[in-house]
C-alpha atoms as a PDB file:
ATOM      1  CA  UNK A   1       0.100   0.041  -0.003  1.00  0.00           C
ATOM      2  CA  UNK A   2       1.443   3.428  -1.071  1.00  0.00           C
ATOM      3  CA  UNK A   3       0.796   6.038   1.412  1.00  0.00           C
ATOM      4  CA  UNK A   4       0.512   9.785   0.284  1.00  0.00           C
ATOM      5  CA  UNK A   5       0.519  12.597   2.567  1.00  0.00           C
ATOM      6  CA  UNK A   6      -1.154  15.536   0.867  1.00  0.00           C
ATOM      7  CA  UNK A   7      -1.158  18.980   2.148  1.00  0.00           C
ATOM      8  CA  UNK A   8      -2.830  22.302   1.000  1.00  0.00           C
ATOM      9  CA  UNK A   9      -0.730  24.983   2.610  1.00  0.00           C
ATOM     10  CA  UNK A  10      -2.090  27.510   5.124  1.00  0.00           C
ATOM     11  CA  UNK A  11      -5.954  28.244   6.157  1.00  0.00           C
ATOM     12  CA  UNK A  12      -8.599  29.916   4.408  1.00  0.00           C
ATOM     13  CA  UNK A  13      -8.135  33.102   6.520  1.00  0.00           C
ATOM     14  CA  UNK A  14      -4.384  32.996   7.002  1.00  0.00           C
ATOM     15  CA  UNK A  15      -3.170  36.675   6.904  1.00  0.00           C
ATOM     16  CA  UNK A  16      -1.542  37.850   3.886  1.00  0.00           C
ATOM     17  CA  UNK A  17      -1.910  34.766   1.867  1.00  0.00           C
ATOM     18  CA  UNK A  18      -4.053  35.810  -1.028  1.00  0.00           C
ATOM     19  CA  UNK A  19      -3.934  37.158  -4.564  1.00  0.00           C
ATOM     20  CA  UNK A  20      -3.017  40.761  -5.187  1.00  0.00           C
ATOM     21  CA  UNK A  21      -6.114  42.838  -5.164  1.00  0.00           C
ATOM     22  CA  UNK A  22      -5.137  44.972  -8.237  1.00  0.00           C
ATOM     23  CA  UNK A  23      -4.815  41.780 -10.277  1.00  0.00           C
ATOM     24  CA  UNK A  24      -7.836  39.665  -8.584  1.00  0.00           C
ATOM     25  CA  UNK A  25     -10.536  42.173  -7.014  1.00  0.00           C
ATOM     26  CA  UNK A  26     -11.789  39.072  -5.067  1.00  0.00           C
ATOM     27  CA  UNK A  27      -8.352  38.579  -3.357  1.00  0.00           C
ATOM     28  CA  UNK A  28      -8.753  34.699  -3.726  1.00  0.00           C
ATOM     29  CA  UNK A  29      -7.047  33.297  -0.788  1.00  0.00           C
ATOM     30  CA  UNK A  30      -4.137  30.918  -1.356  1.00  0.00           C
ATOM     31  CA  UNK A  31      -5.880  28.027   0.624  1.00  0.00           C
ATOM     32  CA  UNK A  32      -8.626  28.082  -1.773  1.00  0.00           C
ATOM     33  CA  UNK A  33      -6.258  27.684  -4.782  1.00  0.00           C
ATOM     34  CA  UNK A  34      -4.184  24.914  -2.888  1.00  0.00           C
ATOM     35  CA  UNK A  35      -7.201  22.946  -1.770  1.00  0.00           C
ATOM     36  CA  UNK A  36      -8.915  23.110  -5.245  1.00  0.00           C
ATOM     37  CA  UNK A  37      -5.975  21.213  -6.570  1.00  0.00           C
ATOM     38  CA  UNK A  38      -5.553  18.813  -3.645  1.00  0.00           C
ATOM     39  CA  UNK A  39      -9.289  18.016  -3.932  1.00  0.00           C
ATOM     40  CA  UNK A  40      -8.734  16.941  -7.655  1.00  0.00           C
ATOM     41  CA  UNK A  41      -5.650  15.009  -6.800  1.00  0.00           C
ATOM     42  CA  UNK A  42      -7.725  12.937  -4.169  1.00  0.00           C
ATOM     43  CA  UNK A  43     -10.619  12.544  -6.774  1.00  0.00           C
ATOM     44  CA  UNK A  44      -8.425  11.263  -9.507  1.00  0.00           C
ATOM     45  CA  UNK A  45      -6.484   8.819  -7.156  1.00  0.00           C
ATOM     46  CA  UNK A  46      -9.766   7.131  -6.084  1.00  0.00           C
ATOM     47  CA  UNK A  47      -9.796   4.977  -9.189  1.00  0.00           C
ATOM     48  CA  UNK A  48      -6.394   3.417  -8.222  1.00  0.00           C
ATOM     49  CA  UNK A  49      -5.815   0.689  -5.898  1.00  0.00           C
ATOM     50  CA  UNK A  50      -3.180   0.108  -3.394  1.00  0.00           C
ATOM     51  CA  UNK A  51      -3.025   3.812  -2.334  1.00  0.00           C
ATOM     52  CA  UNK A  52      -4.001   5.638   0.821  1.00  0.00           C
ATOM     53  CA  UNK A  53      -4.360   9.512   0.865  1.00  0.00           C
ATOM     54  CA  UNK A  54      -3.917  11.490   4.124  1.00  0.00           C
ATOM     55  CA  UNK A  55      -4.984  15.374   3.916  1.00  0.00           C
ATOM     56  CA  UNK A  56      -2.650  17.264   6.525  1.00  0.00           C
ATOM     57  CA  UNK A  57      -4.549  20.402   6.422  1.00  0.00           C
ATOM     58  CA  UNK A  58      -8.001  21.246   7.634  1.00  0.00           C
ATOM     59  CA  UNK A  59     -10.188  20.302   4.533  1.00  0.00           C
ATOM     60  CA  UNK A  60     -12.708  23.125   5.553  1.00  0.00           C
ATOM     61  CA  UNK A  61      -9.926  25.659   5.554  1.00  0.00           C
ATOM     62  CA  UNK A  62     -11.272  27.180   8.875  1.00  0.00           C
ATOM     63  CA  UNK A  63      -8.076  26.182  10.901  1.00  0.00           C
ATOM     64  CA  UNK A  64      -4.488  26.882   9.697  1.00  0.00           C
ATOM     65  CA  UNK A  65      -3.016  23.804  11.382  1.00  0.00           C
ATOM     66  CA  UNK A  66       0.578  24.339  12.650  1.00  0.00           C
ATOM     67  CA  UNK A  67       3.426  23.059  10.378  1.00  0.00           C
ATOM     68  CA  UNK A  68       4.818  20.763  13.318  1.00  0.00           C
ATOM     69  CA  UNK A  69       1.285  19.009  13.644  1.00  0.00           C
ATOM     70  CA  UNK A  70       1.368  18.433   9.787  1.00  0.00           C
ATOM     71  CA  UNK A  71       4.668  16.916   9.728  1.00  0.00           C
ATOM     72  CA  UNK A  72       4.089  14.892  12.779  1.00  0.00           C
ATOM     73  CA  UNK A  73       0.764  13.730  11.170  1.00  0.00           C
ATOM     74  CA  UNK A  74       2.540  12.630   8.040  1.00  0.00           C
ATOM     75  CA  UNK A  75       5.471  10.799   9.955  1.00  0.00           C
ATOM     76  CA  UNK A  76       2.953   8.869  12.038  1.00  0.00           C
ATOM     77  CA  UNK A  77       0.933   7.899   9.115  1.00  0.00           C
ATOM     78  CA  UNK A  78       4.224   6.609   7.611  1.00  0.00           C
ATOM     79  CA  UNK A  79       3.795   8.244   4.383  1.00  0.00           C
ATOM     80  CA  UNK A  80       5.750   7.323   1.438  1.00  0.00           C
ATOM     81  CA  UNK A  81       5.633  10.507  -0.048  1.00  0.00           C
ATOM     82  CA  UNK A  82       4.593  13.950   1.094  1.00  0.00           C
ATOM     83  CA  UNK A  83       3.309  16.386  -1.368  1.00  0.00           C
ATOM     84  CA  UNK A  84       2.466  20.051  -0.399  1.00  0.00           C
ATOM     85  CA  UNK A  85       0.637  22.337  -2.582  1.00  0.00           C
ATOM     86  CA  UNK A  86       1.095  26.215  -2.322  1.00  0.00           C
ATOM     87  CA  UNK A  87       1.035  29.208  -4.529  1.00  0.00           C
ATOM     88  CA  UNK A  88       3.954  31.893  -4.329  1.00  0.00           C
ATOM     89  CA  UNK A  89       4.294  35.655  -4.042  1.00  0.00           C
ATOM     90  CA  UNK A  90       7.101  38.048  -4.378  1.00  0.00           C
ATOM     91  CA  UNK A  91       7.004  39.830  -7.662  1.00  0.00           C
ATOM     92  CA  UNK A  92       4.704  42.763  -6.664  1.00  0.00           C
ATOM     93  CA  UNK A  93       2.485  42.928  -9.635  1.00  0.00           C
ATOM     94  CA  UNK A  94       5.203  42.261 -12.146  1.00  0.00           C
ATOM     95  CA  UNK A  95       5.136  39.801 -15.114  1.00  0.00           C
ATOM     96  CA  UNK A  96       7.731  37.453 -13.589  1.00  0.00           C
ATOM     97  CA  UNK A  97       6.695  34.198 -11.905  1.00  0.00           C
ATOM     98  CA  UNK A  98       6.025  30.440 -12.796  1.00  0.00           C
ATOM     99  CA  UNK A  99       6.090  27.219 -11.100  1.00  0.00           C
ATOM    100  CA  UNK A 100       8.696  26.319  -8.529  1.00  0.00           C
ATOM    101  CA  UNK A 101       9.395  22.912  -6.976  1.00  0.00           C
ATOM    102  CA  UNK A 102      11.135  22.820  -3.538  1.00  0.00           C
ATOM    103  CA  UNK A 103      12.936  20.106  -1.514  1.00  0.00           C
ATOM    104  CA  UNK A 104      15.237  20.330   1.589  1.00  0.00           C
ATOM    105  CA  UNK A 105      18.706  21.615   1.462  1.00  0.00           C
ATOM    106  CA  UNK A 106      19.978  18.077   2.393  1.00  0.00           C
ATOM    107  CA  UNK A 107      17.501  16.289   0.347  1.00  0.00           C
ATOM    108  CA  UNK A 108      17.684  12.529  -0.540  1.00  0.00           C
ATOM    109  CA  UNK A 109      18.171  11.367  -3.935  1.00  0.00           C
ATOM    110  CA  UNK A 110      14.559  10.072  -3.906  1.00  0.00           C
ATOM    111  CA  UNK A 111      13.190  13.650  -3.051  1.00  0.00           C
ATOM    112  CA  UNK A 112      15.186  15.098  -5.947  1.00  0.00           C
ATOM    113  CA  UNK A 113      13.729  12.647  -8.458  1.00  0.00           C
ATOM    114  CA  UNK A 114      10.235  13.344  -7.177  1.00  0.00           C
ATOM    115  CA  UNK A 115      11.103  17.039  -7.485  1.00  0.00           C
ATOM    116  CA  UNK A 116      12.123  16.929 -11.208  1.00  0.00           C
ATOM    117  CA  UNK A 117       9.522  14.435 -12.254  1.00  0.00           C
ATOM    118  CA  UNK A 118       6.915  16.684 -10.650  1.00  0.00           C
ATOM    119  CA  UNK A 119       8.068  19.873 -11.958  1.00  0.00           C
ATOM    120  CA  UNK A 120       8.477  18.440 -15.474  1.00  0.00           C
ATOM    121  CA  UNK A 121       5.038  17.086 -15.526  1.00  0.00           C
ATOM    122  CA  UNK A 122       3.330  20.227 -14.297  1.00  0.00           C
ATOM    123  CA  UNK A 123       5.111  22.306 -16.717  1.00  0.00           C
ATOM    124  CA  UNK A 124       4.208  19.832 -19.563  1.00  0.00           C
ATOM    125  CA  UNK A 125       0.428  20.114 -18.625  1.00  0.00           C
ATOM    126  CA  UNK A 126       0.381  23.938 -17.730  1.00  0.00           C
ATOM    127  CA  UNK A 127       3.234  25.644 -19.585  1.00  0.00           C
ATOM    128  CA  UNK A 128       3.647  27.943 -16.699  1.00  0.00           C
ATOM    129  CA  UNK A 129       7.354  27.897 -16.680  1.00  0.00           C
ATOM    130  CA  UNK A 130       7.696  31.516 -15.834  1.00  0.00           C
ATOM    131  CA  UNK A 131      11.051  33.286 -15.655  1.00  0.00           C
ATOM    132  CA  UNK A 132      12.584  31.654 -12.505  1.00  0.00           C
ATOM    133  CA  UNK A 133      16.404  31.117 -12.881  1.00  0.00           C
ATOM    134  CA  UNK A 134      16.134  28.161 -10.546  1.00  0.00           C
ATOM    135  CA  UNK A 135      12.639  26.552 -10.682  1.00  0.00           C
ATOM    136  CA  UNK A 136      14.154  23.351  -8.963  1.00  0.00           C
ATOM    137  CA  UNK A 137      15.149  24.825  -5.480  1.00  0.00           C
ATOM    138  CA  UNK A 138      16.425  23.541  -2.174  1.00  0.00           C
ATOM    139  CA  UNK A 139      15.342  25.646   0.890  1.00  0.00           C
ATOM    140  CA  UNK A 140      15.434  24.986   4.612  1.00  0.00           C
ATOM    141  CA  UNK A 141      11.667  25.001   4.925  1.00  0.00           C
ATOM    142  CA  UNK A 142       9.906  23.155   7.950  1.00  0.00           C
ATOM    143  CA  UNK A 143       7.815  20.653   5.676  1.00  0.00           C
ATOM    144  CA  UNK A 144      10.452  19.570   3.605  1.00  0.00           C
ATOM    145  CA  UNK A 145      13.079  19.399   6.442  1.00  0.00           C
ATOM    146  CA  UNK A 146      10.929  17.586   9.166  1.00  0.00           C
ATOM    147  CA  UNK A 147       9.225  15.022   7.033  1.00  0.00           C
ATOM    148  CA  UNK A 148      10.753  11.531   7.276  1.00  0.00           C
ATOM    149  CA  UNK A 149       9.956  10.624   3.750  1.00  0.00           C
ATOM    150  CA  UNK A 150      10.581  12.334   0.353  1.00  0.00           C
ATOM    151  CA  UNK A 151       8.833  15.477   0.283  1.00  0.00           C
ATOM    152  CA  UNK A 152       8.191  18.231  -2.443  1.00  0.00           C
ATOM    153  CA  UNK A 153       6.737  21.561  -1.904  1.00  0.00           C
ATOM    154  CA  UNK A 154       5.192  22.802  -5.140  1.00  0.00           C
ATOM    155  CA  UNK A 155       4.621  26.598  -5.564  1.00  0.00           C
ATOM    156  CA  UNK A 156       1.946  26.612  -8.332  1.00  0.00           C
ATOM    157  CA  UNK A 157       2.460  30.214  -9.662  1.00  0.00           C
ATOM    158  CA  UNK A 158       2.663  33.548  -8.041  1.00  0.00           C
ATOM    159  CA  UNK A 159      -0.380  35.219  -6.659  1.00  0.00           C
ATOM    160  CA  UNK A 160       0.983  38.718  -7.258  1.00  0.00           C
ATOM    161  CA  UNK A 161       2.044  38.134 -10.921  1.00  0.00           C
ATOM    162  CA  UNK A 162       0.137  39.770 -13.700  1.00  0.00           C
ATOM    163  CA  UNK A 163       1.208  36.998 -15.996  1.00  0.00           C
ATOM    164  CA  UNK A 164       0.270  34.033 -13.443  1.00  0.00           C
ATOM    165  CA  UNK A 165      -2.890  35.306 -11.611  1.00  0.00           C
ATOM    166  CA  UNK A 166      -5.335  35.150 -14.691  1.00  0.00           C
ATOM    167  CA  UNK A 167      -4.134  31.553 -15.167  1.00  0.00           C
ATOM    168  CA  UNK A 168      -4.055  30.113 -11.592  1.00  0.00           C
ATOM    169  CA  UNK A 169      -7.515  31.515 -10.927  1.00  0.00           C
ATOM    170  CA  UNK A 170      -9.151  29.291 -13.641  1.00  0.00           C
ATOM    171  CA  UNK A 171     -10.637  25.909 -12.830  1.00  0.00           C
ATOM    172  CA  UNK A 172      -8.766  24.578 -15.907  1.00  0.00           C
ATOM    173  CA  UNK A 173      -5.345  25.358 -14.440  1.00  0.00           C
ATOM    174  CA  UNK A 174      -6.199  23.515 -11.148  1.00  0.00           C
ATOM    175  CA  UNK A 175      -7.377  20.466 -13.292  1.00  0.00           C
ATOM    176  CA  UNK A 176      -4.072  20.384 -15.420  1.00  0.00           C
ATOM    177  CA  UNK A 177      -1.801  20.628 -12.140  1.00  0.00           C
ATOM    178  CA  UNK A 178      -3.795  17.748 -10.484  1.00  0.00           C
ATOM    179  CA  UNK A 179      -3.529  15.705 -13.576  1.00  0.00           C
ATOM    180  CA  UNK A 180       0.142  16.359 -13.726  1.00  0.00           C
ATOM    181  CA  UNK A 181       0.829  15.471 -10.032  1.00  0.00           C
ATOM    182  CA  UNK A 182      -1.366  12.236 -10.172  1.00  0.00           C
ATOM    183  CA  UNK A 183       0.485  11.112 -13.505  1.00  0.00           C
ATOM    184  CA  UNK A 184       3.668  11.215 -11.621  1.00  0.00           C
ATOM    185  CA  UNK A 185       2.397   9.513  -8.463  1.00  0.00           C
ATOM    186  CA  UNK A 186       0.853   6.725 -10.227  1.00  0.00           C
ATOM    187  CA  UNK A 187       3.954   6.025 -12.258  1.00  0.00           C
ATOM    188  CA  UNK A 188       6.422   6.272  -9.363  1.00  0.00           C
ATOM    189  CA  UNK A 189       4.184   4.147  -6.937  1.00  0.00           C
ATOM    190  CA  UNK A 190       3.351   1.535  -9.664  1.00  0.00           C
ATOM    191  CA  UNK A 191      -0.399   2.042  -9.074  1.00  0.00           C
ATOM    192  CA  UNK A 192      -3.015   0.256 -11.274  1.00  0.00           C
ATOM    193  CA  UNK A 193      -6.645   1.249 -11.645  1.00  0.00           C
ATOM    194  CA  UNK A 194      -9.236  -0.434  -9.639  1.00  0.00           C
ATOM    195  CA  UNK A 195     -11.512  -2.597 -11.931  1.00  0.00           C
ATOM    196  CA  UNK A 196     -15.039  -0.888 -11.746  1.00  0.00           C
ATOM    197  CA  UNK A 197     -17.952  -2.628 -10.111  1.00  0.00           C
ATOM    198  CA  UNK A 198     -20.474  -0.370 -11.737  1.00  0.00           C
ATOM    199  CA  UNK A 199     -20.391   2.129 -14.443  1.00  0.00           C
ATOM    200  CA  UNK A 200     -19.893   5.572 -13.029  1.00  0.00           C
ATOM    201  CA  UNK A 201     -20.161   8.855 -14.887  1.00  0.00           C
ATOM    202  CA  UNK A 202     -16.809  10.408 -15.983  1.00  0.00           C
ATOM    203  CA  UNK A 203     -15.698  13.772 -14.796  1.00  0.00           C
ATOM    204  CA  UNK A 204     -16.852  15.485 -18.051  1.00  0.00           C
ATOM    205  CA  UNK A 205     -20.253  13.896 -17.650  1.00  0.00           C
ATOM    206  CA  UNK A 206     -20.675  15.056 -14.159  1.00  0.00           C
ATOM    207  CA  UNK A 207     -19.892  18.757 -15.405  1.00  0.00           C
ATOM    208  CA  UNK A 208     -22.357  18.222 -18.210  1.00  0.00           C
ATOM    209  CA  UNK A 209     -25.049  16.969 -16.036  1.00  0.00           C
ATOM    210  CA  UNK A 210     -24.679  19.887 -13.614  1.00  0.00           C
ATOM    211  CA  UNK A 211     -24.899  22.020 -16.538  1.00  0.00           C
ATOM    212  CA  UNK A 212     -28.010  20.496 -17.903  1.00  0.00           C
ATOM    213  CA  UNK A 213     -29.784  20.821 -14.407  1.00  0.00           C
ATOM    214  CA  UNK A 214     -28.745  24.531 -14.155  1.00  0.00           C
ATOM    215  CA  UNK A 215     -30.067  25.144 -17.806  1.00  0.00           C
ATOM    216  CA  UNK A 216     -33.359  23.517 -16.777  1.00  0.00           C
ATOM    217  CA  UNK A 217     -33.504  25.576 -13.684  1.00  0.00           C
ATOM    218  CA  UNK A 218     -33.072  28.709 -15.872  1.00  0.00           C
ATOM    219  CA  UNK A 219     -35.857  27.813 -18.135  1.00  0.00           C
ATOM    220  CA  UNK A 220     -34.303  25.745 -20.961  1.00  0.00           C
ATOM    221  CA  UNK A 221     -35.805  22.399 -22.067  1.00  0.00           C
ATOM    222  CA  UNK A 222     -34.148  19.160 -22.860  1.00  0.00           C
ATOM    223  CA  UNK A 223     -37.420  17.576 -24.082  1.00  0.00           C
ATOM    224  CA  UNK A 224     -36.059  14.429 -25.787  1.00  0.00           C
ATOM    225  CA  UNK A 225     -33.331  13.146 -23.518  1.00  0.00           C
ATOM    226  CA  UNK A 226     -33.675  15.160 -20.400  1.00  0.00           C
ATOM    227  CA  UNK A 227     -30.661  15.689 -18.097  1.00  0.00           C
ATOM    228  CA  UNK A 228     -28.664  12.595 -18.841  1.00  0.00           C
ATOM    229  CA  UNK A 229     -25.078  13.854 -18.477  1.00  0.00           C
ATOM    230  CA  UNK A 230     -24.220  13.312 -22.126  1.00  0.00           C
ATOM    231  CA  UNK A 231     -23.327  15.885 -24.679  1.00  0.00           C
ATOM    232  CA  UNK A 232     -25.352  15.848 -27.880  1.00  0.00           C
ATOM    233  CA  UNK A 233     -27.537  17.851 -30.316  1.00  0.00           C
ATOM    234  CA  UNK A 234     -29.878  19.060 -27.760  1.00  0.00           C
ATOM    235  CA  UNK A 235     -26.968  20.360 -25.510  1.00  0.00           C
ATOM    236  CA  UNK A 236     -25.529  22.193 -28.638  1.00  0.00           C
ATOM    237  CA  UNK A 237     -28.787  23.803 -29.224  1.00  0.00           C
ATOM    238  CA  UNK A 238     -29.236  24.995 -25.628  1.00  0.00           C
ATOM    239  CA  UNK A 239     -25.766  26.030 -25.479  1.00  0.00           C
ATOM    240  CA  UNK A 240     -26.233  28.443 -28.386  1.00  0.00           C
ATOM    241  CA  UNK A 241     -29.300  29.990 -26.664  1.00  0.00           C
ATOM    242  CA  UNK A 242     -27.992  29.941 -22.928  1.00  0.00           C
ATOM    243  CA  UNK A 243     -25.583  32.877 -23.355  1.00  0.00           C
ATOM    244  CA  UNK A 244     -24.278  34.239 -20.118  1.00  0.00           C
ATOM    245  CA  UNK A 245     -22.989  37.841 -20.394  1.00  0.00           C
ATOM    246  CA  UNK A 246     -23.081  41.119 -18.580  1.00  0.00           C
ATOM    247  CA  UNK A 247     -26.543  42.596 -18.456  1.00  0.00           C
ATOM    248  CA  UNK A 248     -28.618  45.186 -16.917  1.00  0.00           C
ATOM    249  CA  UNK A 249     -30.714  42.584 -15.287  1.00  0.00           C
ATOM    250  CA  UNK A 250     -28.971  39.351 -14.095  1.00  0.00           C
ATOM    251  CA  UNK A 251     -30.173  36.446 -16.334  1.00  0.00           C
ATOM    252  CA  UNK A 252     -29.426  32.764 -16.189  1.00  0.00           C
ATOM    253  CA  UNK A 253     -28.150  32.916 -12.608  1.00  0.00           C
ATOM    254  CA  UNK A 254     -27.900  29.056 -12.135  1.00  0.00           C
ATOM    255  CA  UNK A 255     -25.663  28.916 -15.451  1.00  0.00           C
ATOM    256  CA  UNK A 256     -23.709  32.008 -14.249  1.00  0.00           C
ATOM    257  CA  UNK A 257     -22.825  30.207 -11.051  1.00  0.00           C
ATOM    258  CA  UNK A 258     -21.198  27.419 -13.227  1.00  0.00           C
ATOM    259  CA  UNK A 259     -19.300  30.022 -15.222  1.00  0.00           C
ATOM    260  CA  UNK A 260     -18.210  31.680 -11.957  1.00  0.00           C
ATOM    261  CA  UNK A 261     -17.002  28.583 -10.457  1.00  0.00           C
ATOM    262  CA  UNK A 262     -14.941  27.714 -13.605  1.00  0.00           C
ATOM    263  CA  UNK A 263     -13.243  30.972 -13.877  1.00  0.00           C
ATOM    264  CA  UNK A 264     -12.490  31.443 -10.163  1.00  0.00           C
ATOM    265  CA  UNK A 265     -14.707  34.367  -9.075  1.00  0.00           C
ATOM    266  CA  UNK A 266     -17.186  34.620  -6.331  1.00  0.00           C
ATOM    267  CA  UNK A 267     -20.162  32.340  -7.130  1.00  0.00           C
ATOM    268  CA  UNK A 268     -23.300  34.638  -6.739  1.00  0.00           C
ATOM    269  CA  UNK A 269     -25.062  34.204 -10.133  1.00  0.00           C
ATOM    270  CA  UNK A 270     -24.617  37.712 -11.053  1.00  0.00           C
ATOM    271  CA  UNK A 271     -22.751  38.317 -14.207  1.00  0.00           C
ATOM    272  CA  UNK A 272     -20.953  41.594 -13.411  1.00  0.00           C
ATOM    273  CA  UNK A 273     -17.674  43.235 -14.277  1.00  0.00           C
ATOM    274  CA  UNK A 274     -15.510  40.835 -12.255  1.00  0.00           C
ATOM    275  CA  UNK A 275     -17.120  37.773 -13.968  1.00  0.00           C
ATOM    276  CA  UNK A 276     -16.795  39.464 -17.434  1.00  0.00           C
ATOM    277  CA  UNK A 277     -12.954  40.212 -16.811  1.00  0.00           C
ATOM    278  CA  UNK A 278     -12.421  36.570 -15.465  1.00  0.00           C
ATOM    279  CA  UNK A 279     -14.222  35.002 -18.554  1.00  0.00           C
ATOM    280  CA  UNK A 280     -12.089  37.031 -21.075  1.00  0.00           C
ATOM    281  CA  UNK A 281      -8.865  35.793 -19.163  1.00  0.00           C
ATOM    282  CA  UNK A 282     -10.181  32.229 -19.417  1.00  0.00           C
ATOM    283  CA  UNK A 283     -10.963  32.725 -23.080  1.00  0.00           C
ATOM    284  CA  UNK A 284      -7.499  33.952 -23.821  1.00  0.00           C
ATOM    285  CA  UNK A 285      -5.873  31.088 -21.912  1.00  0.00           C
ATOM    286  CA  UNK A 286      -7.798  28.434 -23.831  1.00  0.00           C
ATOM    287  CA  UNK A 287      -7.502  30.161 -27.249  1.00  0.00           C
ATOM    288  CA  UNK A 288     -10.976  31.479 -27.717  1.00  0.00           C
ATOM    289  CA  UNK A 289     -12.156  34.974 -29.080  1.00  0.00           C
ATOM    290  CA  UNK A 290     -11.900  37.004 -25.686  1.00  0.00           C
ATOM    291  CA  UNK A 291     -15.228  38.820 -25.644  1.00  0.00           C
ATOM    292  CA  UNK A 292     -16.398  38.055 -22.186  1.00  0.00           C
ATOM    293  CA  UNK A 293     -19.586  36.376 -23.569  1.00  0.00           C
ATOM    294  CA  UNK A 294     -20.150  32.705 -22.766  1.00  0.00           C
ATOM    295  CA  UNK A 295     -21.702  31.014 -25.712  1.00  0.00           C
ATOM    296  CA  UNK A 296     -21.344  27.601 -27.332  1.00  0.00           C
ATOM    297  CA  UNK A 297     -17.718  27.495 -27.719  1.00  0.00           C
ATOM    298  CA  UNK A 298     -16.750  28.808 -24.235  1.00  0.00           C
ATOM    299  CA  UNK A 299     -19.409  26.476 -22.913  1.00  0.00           C
ATOM    300  CA  UNK A 300     -17.572  23.532 -24.416  1.00  0.00           C
ATOM    301  CA  UNK A 301     -14.281  24.626 -23.072  1.00  0.00           C
ATOM    302  CA  UNK A 302     -15.683  25.073 -19.504  1.00  0.00           C
ATOM    303  CA  UNK A 303     -17.475  21.638 -19.667  1.00  0.00           C
ATOM    304  CA  UNK A 304     -14.559  19.824 -21.312  1.00  0.00           C
ATOM    305  CA  UNK A 305     -16.347  18.874 -24.333  1.00  0.00           C
ATOM    306  CA  UNK A 306     -14.328  18.059 -27.558  1.00  0.00           C
END
């Protein structure tokens, strides 16, 4: 049994740990970004056998658990690997940034191998290389120093970088980082997928089902197939009509909530300036016409439809 100690750094309300207000009016907290990635890693690993995952942080984010307690918990657990997810700061609104992977100054060879493999995989999936001269770093940080097993602290971009912030706020980025981490964990731990007992919806189907239910709640009909979690001609037709954009009166609030969750802004169902700006950034990131209007093509990117 491979044991993974997984940590979302800090707590929801830890002082100072948030995105720069001039780049993100919502000042999204670091724990929110960290936990979003950790949650996806956990979900993706559920389909594999012979692995046990232990979260070291408070999964509600209410308590910023002391670092000593976190490393002691990992050591008592007997983890085979310790992965700590963080987001960085220090460029003060500049364009610098990028992903950094950190190990202890006197790190073992295994930690160095985990460090390089994770960094290479995350860069492959996200492309967020940045301009750091030393993206593979050795530092005397508590987590990497006091853990008894190989440990990597992954800084997933800078929360005060005008380059990184529009990217790290997106749901798509969190999905990419989680996928990259899981790919490395599966390979290094030699994991195999658990044979399914029953057929379960894929992640994409779940997203589609949620979208269908939201569209129905907002007045659209799927008269032939209903909310079945599958993308087809009915979904195409509804997506062309279910256009979410900035309006004088808030329309399609349930669908707008799905948009807001995907682009990383406050989920209130109101398509205002902040939501429009975040949609534009998302559209630029995924290679669409950046007009701030959520139509068919943007819906398909949000829902992961090919």
